[in-house]
Amino acid sequence: EKAARGIDGRIYPYGNEFDPRKCNVADSGIYRTTPSKEYATGKSPYGCYDMSGNVWNWCLDTFEFGTSIKEATRVVRGGSCTRGKVKACCSFRNGRHPNDRWISRGFRCVKDVGN
């Protein structure tokens, strides 16, 4: 979440006002995934692309439903090309079972570019 919203607590990676020209969500009218870096104006403060929209990103965290299946349910974040602005907020999270596959769910590779 910090990588998406920065230290100033923004609502979307690019600021506090929703703009469908800065992320691939249903409001953008594309309804399919796009190449990474397609929305350069929607980068997060840390320079991360597609933190809002395009595909849901799988997280290691369990999603707390308050039911007995929570151990098998993982968090997905960032919204997707088939969902609207509410689910594209930096703070929004949803839960899915890891075996639940869909074209609008993916994962993010992270690389340490330090020394």
C-alpha atoms as a PDB file:
ATOM      1  CA  GLU A   1       0.000   0.000   0.000  1.00  0.00           C
ATOM      2  CA  LYS A   2       2.828   2.402   0.758  1.00  0.00           C
ATOM      3  CA  ALA A   3       4.301   1.802  -2.699  1.00  0.00           C
ATOM      4  CA  ALA A   4       0.954   2.860  -4.174  1.00  0.00           C
ATOM      5  CA  ARG A   5       0.003   5.840  -2.016  1.00  0.00           C
ATOM      6  CA  GLY A   6       3.339   7.185  -0.828  1.00  0.00           C
ATOM      7  CA  ILE A   7       3.868   8.880   2.520  1.00  0.00           C
ATOM      8  CA  ASP A   8       1.255  11.578   1.911  1.00  0.00           C
ATOM      9  CA  GLY A   9      -1.670   9.112   2.034  1.00  0.00           C
ATOM     10  CA  ARG A  10      -3.080   9.819  -1.409  1.00  0.00           C
ATOM     11  CA  ILE A  11      -6.285   8.078  -2.526  1.00  0.00           C
ATOM     12  CA  TYR A  12      -4.936   6.979  -5.922  1.00  0.00           C
ATOM     13  CA  PRO A  13      -1.259   6.502  -6.835  1.00  0.00           C
ATOM     14  CA  TYR A  14      -1.330   9.675  -8.939  1.00  0.00           C
ATOM     15  CA  GLY A  15      -3.252  11.900  -6.471  1.00  0.00           C
ATOM     16  CA  ASN A  16      -6.558  12.370  -4.660  1.00  0.00           C
ATOM     17  CA  GLU A  17      -8.852  12.935  -7.641  1.00  0.00           C
ATOM     18  CA  PHE A  18      -9.882   9.976  -9.800  1.00  0.00           C
ATOM     19  CA  ASP A  19      -8.789  10.239 -13.444  1.00  0.00           C
ATOM     20  CA  PRO A  20      -9.611   7.361 -15.853  1.00  0.00           C
ATOM     21  CA  ARG A  21      -6.864   8.642 -18.192  1.00  0.00           C
ATOM     22  CA  LYS A  22      -4.239   7.694 -15.588  1.00  0.00           C
ATOM     23  CA  CYS A  23      -5.223   4.061 -14.924  1.00  0.00           C
ATOM     24  CA  ASN A  24      -6.762   1.113 -16.729  1.00  0.00           C
ATOM     25  CA  VAL A  25     -10.099   0.607 -14.956  1.00  0.00           C
ATOM     26  CA  ALA A  26     -13.638  -0.011 -16.239  1.00  0.00           C
ATOM     27  CA  ASP A  27     -14.215   3.765 -16.350  1.00  0.00           C
ATOM     28  CA  SER A  28     -11.410   3.963 -18.949  1.00  0.00           C
ATOM     29  CA  GLY A  29     -13.562   1.938 -21.356  1.00  0.00           C
ATOM     30  CA  ILE A  30     -10.879  -0.544 -22.468  1.00  0.00           C
ATOM     31  CA  TYR A  31     -12.028  -3.655 -20.496  1.00  0.00           C
ATOM     32  CA  ARG A  32      -8.832  -5.599 -21.207  1.00  0.00           C
ATOM     33  CA  THR A  33      -5.306  -5.553 -19.829  1.00  0.00           C
ATOM     34  CA  THR A  34      -2.726  -3.194 -21.288  1.00  0.00           C
ATOM     35  CA  PRO A  35       1.083  -3.363 -21.393  1.00  0.00           C
ATOM     36  CA  SER A  36       2.871  -2.169 -18.280  1.00  0.00           C
ATOM     37  CA  LYS A  37       3.977   1.477 -18.430  1.00  0.00           C
ATOM     38  CA  GLU A  38       0.979   2.307 -20.665  1.00  0.00           C
ATOM     39  CA  TYR A  39      -0.223   4.811 -18.039  1.00  0.00           C
ATOM     40  CA  ALA A  40       2.963   6.724 -17.193  1.00  0.00           C
ATOM     41  CA  THR A  41       0.960   9.628 -15.730  1.00  0.00           C
ATOM     42  CA  GLY A  42      -0.556   7.218 -13.215  1.00  0.00           C
ATOM     43  CA  LYS A  43       2.737   6.221 -11.581  1.00  0.00           C
ATOM     44  CA  SER A  44       2.934   6.134  -7.800  1.00  0.00           C
ATOM     45  CA  PRO A  45       5.234   8.501  -5.856  1.00  0.00           C
ATOM     46  CA  TYR A  46       7.801   5.693  -5.868  1.00  0.00           C
ATOM     47  CA  GLY A  47       7.665   5.320  -9.658  1.00  0.00           C
ATOM     48  CA  CYS A  48       5.586   2.115  -9.657  1.00  0.00           C
ATOM     49  CA  TYR A  49       3.325   1.573 -12.654  1.00  0.00           C
ATOM     50  CA  ASP A  50      -0.192   0.063 -12.637  1.00  0.00           C
ATOM     51  CA  MET A  51      -0.710   0.246  -8.892  1.00  0.00           C
ATOM     52  CA  SER A  52      -4.283   1.230  -9.716  1.00  0.00           C
ATOM     53  CA  GLY A  53      -6.134  -0.801 -12.334  1.00  0.00           C
ATOM     54  CA  ASN A  54      -4.997  -3.175 -15.085  1.00  0.00           C
ATOM     55  CA  VAL A  55      -4.847  -6.372 -12.949  1.00  0.00           C
ATOM     56  CA  TRP A  56      -5.503  -7.198  -9.306  1.00  0.00           C
ATOM     57  CA  ASN A  57      -2.190  -7.943  -7.585  1.00  0.00           C
ATOM     58  CA  TRP A  58      -1.992 -11.033  -5.381  1.00  0.00           C
ATOM     59  CA  CYS A  59      -0.586 -10.426  -1.896  1.00  0.00           C
ATOM     60  CA  LEU A  60       0.754 -12.827   0.689  1.00  0.00           C
ATOM     61  CA  ASP A  61      -1.590 -11.466   3.384  1.00  0.00           C
ATOM     62  CA  THR A  62      -4.647 -13.491   4.323  1.00  0.00           C
ATOM     63  CA  PHE A  63      -7.993 -11.791   3.822  1.00  0.00           C
ATOM     64  CA  GLU A  64      -9.977 -11.685   7.057  1.00  0.00           C
ATOM     65  CA  PHE A  65     -13.567 -12.593   6.238  1.00  0.00           C
ATOM     66  CA  GLY A  66     -14.394 -13.620   9.779  1.00  0.00           C
ATOM     67  CA  THR A  67     -15.112 -17.142   8.506  1.00  0.00           C
ATOM     68  CA  SER A  68     -13.328 -20.456   8.756  1.00  0.00           C
ATOM     69  CA  ILE A  69     -11.947 -20.195   5.183  1.00  0.00           C
ATOM     70  CA  LYS A  70      -9.761 -17.148   5.876  1.00  0.00           C
ATOM     71  CA  GLU A  71      -6.516 -19.154   6.018  1.00  0.00           C
ATOM     72  CA  ALA A  72      -6.960 -20.160   2.387  1.00  0.00           C
ATOM     73  CA  THR A  73      -7.989 -16.693   1.172  1.00  0.00           C
ATOM     74  CA  ARG A  74      -5.403 -14.124   0.068  1.00  0.00           C
ATOM     75  CA  VAL A  75      -5.604 -10.383  -0.437  1.00  0.00           C
ATOM     76  CA  VAL A  76      -5.764  -8.902  -3.937  1.00  0.00           C
ATOM     77  CA  ARG A  77      -5.187  -5.162  -4.386  1.00  0.00           C
ATOM     78  CA  GLY A  78      -5.185  -2.419  -6.983  1.00  0.00           C
ATOM     79  CA  GLY A  79      -8.415  -3.048  -8.855  1.00  0.00           C
ATOM     80  CA  SER A  80      -8.498  -4.173 -12.460  1.00  0.00           C
ATOM     81  CA  CYS A  81      -9.480  -3.274 -15.997  1.00  0.00           C
ATOM     82  CA  THR A  82     -12.961  -4.663 -15.305  1.00  0.00           C
ATOM     83  CA  ARG A  83     -13.674  -2.757 -12.065  1.00  0.00           C
ATOM     84  CA  GLY A  84     -14.338   0.903 -11.332  1.00  0.00           C
ATOM     85  CA  LYS A  85     -12.737   3.727  -9.389  1.00  0.00           C
ATOM     86  CA  VAL A  86     -13.751   2.614  -5.877  1.00  0.00           C
ATOM     87  CA  LYS A  87     -11.790  -0.624  -6.175  1.00  0.00           C
ATOM     88  CA  ALA A  88      -8.821   1.194  -7.715  1.00  0.00           C
ATOM     89  CA  CYS A  89      -8.184   3.200  -4.519  1.00  0.00           C
ATOM     90  CA  CYS A  90      -4.828   2.533  -2.851  1.00  0.00           C
ATOM     91  CA  SER A  91      -6.527   1.372   0.350  1.00  0.00           C
ATOM     92  CA  PHE A  92      -9.046  -1.036  -1.221  1.00  0.00           C
ATOM     93  CA  ARG A  93      -8.457  -4.734  -0.734  1.00  0.00           C
ATOM     94  CA  ASN A  94     -10.430  -7.799  -1.655  1.00  0.00           C
ATOM     95  CA  GLY A  95     -10.016 -11.497  -0.948  1.00  0.00           C
ATOM     96  CA  ARG A  96      -9.803 -14.475  -3.274  1.00  0.00           C
ATOM     97  CA  HIS A  97      -8.794 -18.098  -2.937  1.00  0.00           C
ATOM     98  CA  PRO A  98      -5.350 -18.696  -4.519  1.00  0.00           C
ATOM     99  CA  ASN A  99      -6.858 -21.284  -6.882  1.00  0.00           C
ATOM    100  CA  ASP A 100      -9.306 -18.676  -8.192  1.00  0.00           C
ATOM    101  CA  ARG A 101      -7.746 -17.649 -11.505  1.00  0.00           C
ATOM    102  CA  TRP A 102      -8.959 -14.850 -13.757  1.00  0.00           C
ATOM    103  CA  ILE A 103      -7.462 -12.819 -16.588  1.00  0.00           C
ATOM    104  CA  SER A 104      -7.587  -9.654 -14.487  1.00  0.00           C
ATOM    105  CA  ARG A 105      -5.481 -11.062 -11.613  1.00  0.00           C
ATOM    106  CA  GLY A 106      -1.714 -11.176 -11.600  1.00  0.00           C
ATOM    107  CA  PHE A 107       1.323 -10.570  -9.486  1.00  0.00           C
ATOM    108  CA  ARG A 108       4.126  -8.043  -9.300  1.00  0.00           C
ATOM    109  CA  CYS A 109       7.813  -8.908  -9.407  1.00  0.00           C
ATOM    110  CA  VAL A 110      10.041  -6.792  -7.196  1.00  0.00           C
ATOM    111  CA  LYS A 111      13.737  -6.251  -7.699  1.00  0.00           C
ATOM    112  CA  ASP A 112      16.188  -4.656  -5.291  1.00  0.00           C
ATOM    113  CA  VAL A 113      18.220  -2.147  -7.272  1.00  0.00           C
ATOM    114  CA  GLY A 114      20.518  -1.314  -4.345  1.00  0.00           C
ATOM    115  CA  ASN A 115      24.241  -1.923  -4.192  1.00  0.00           C
END
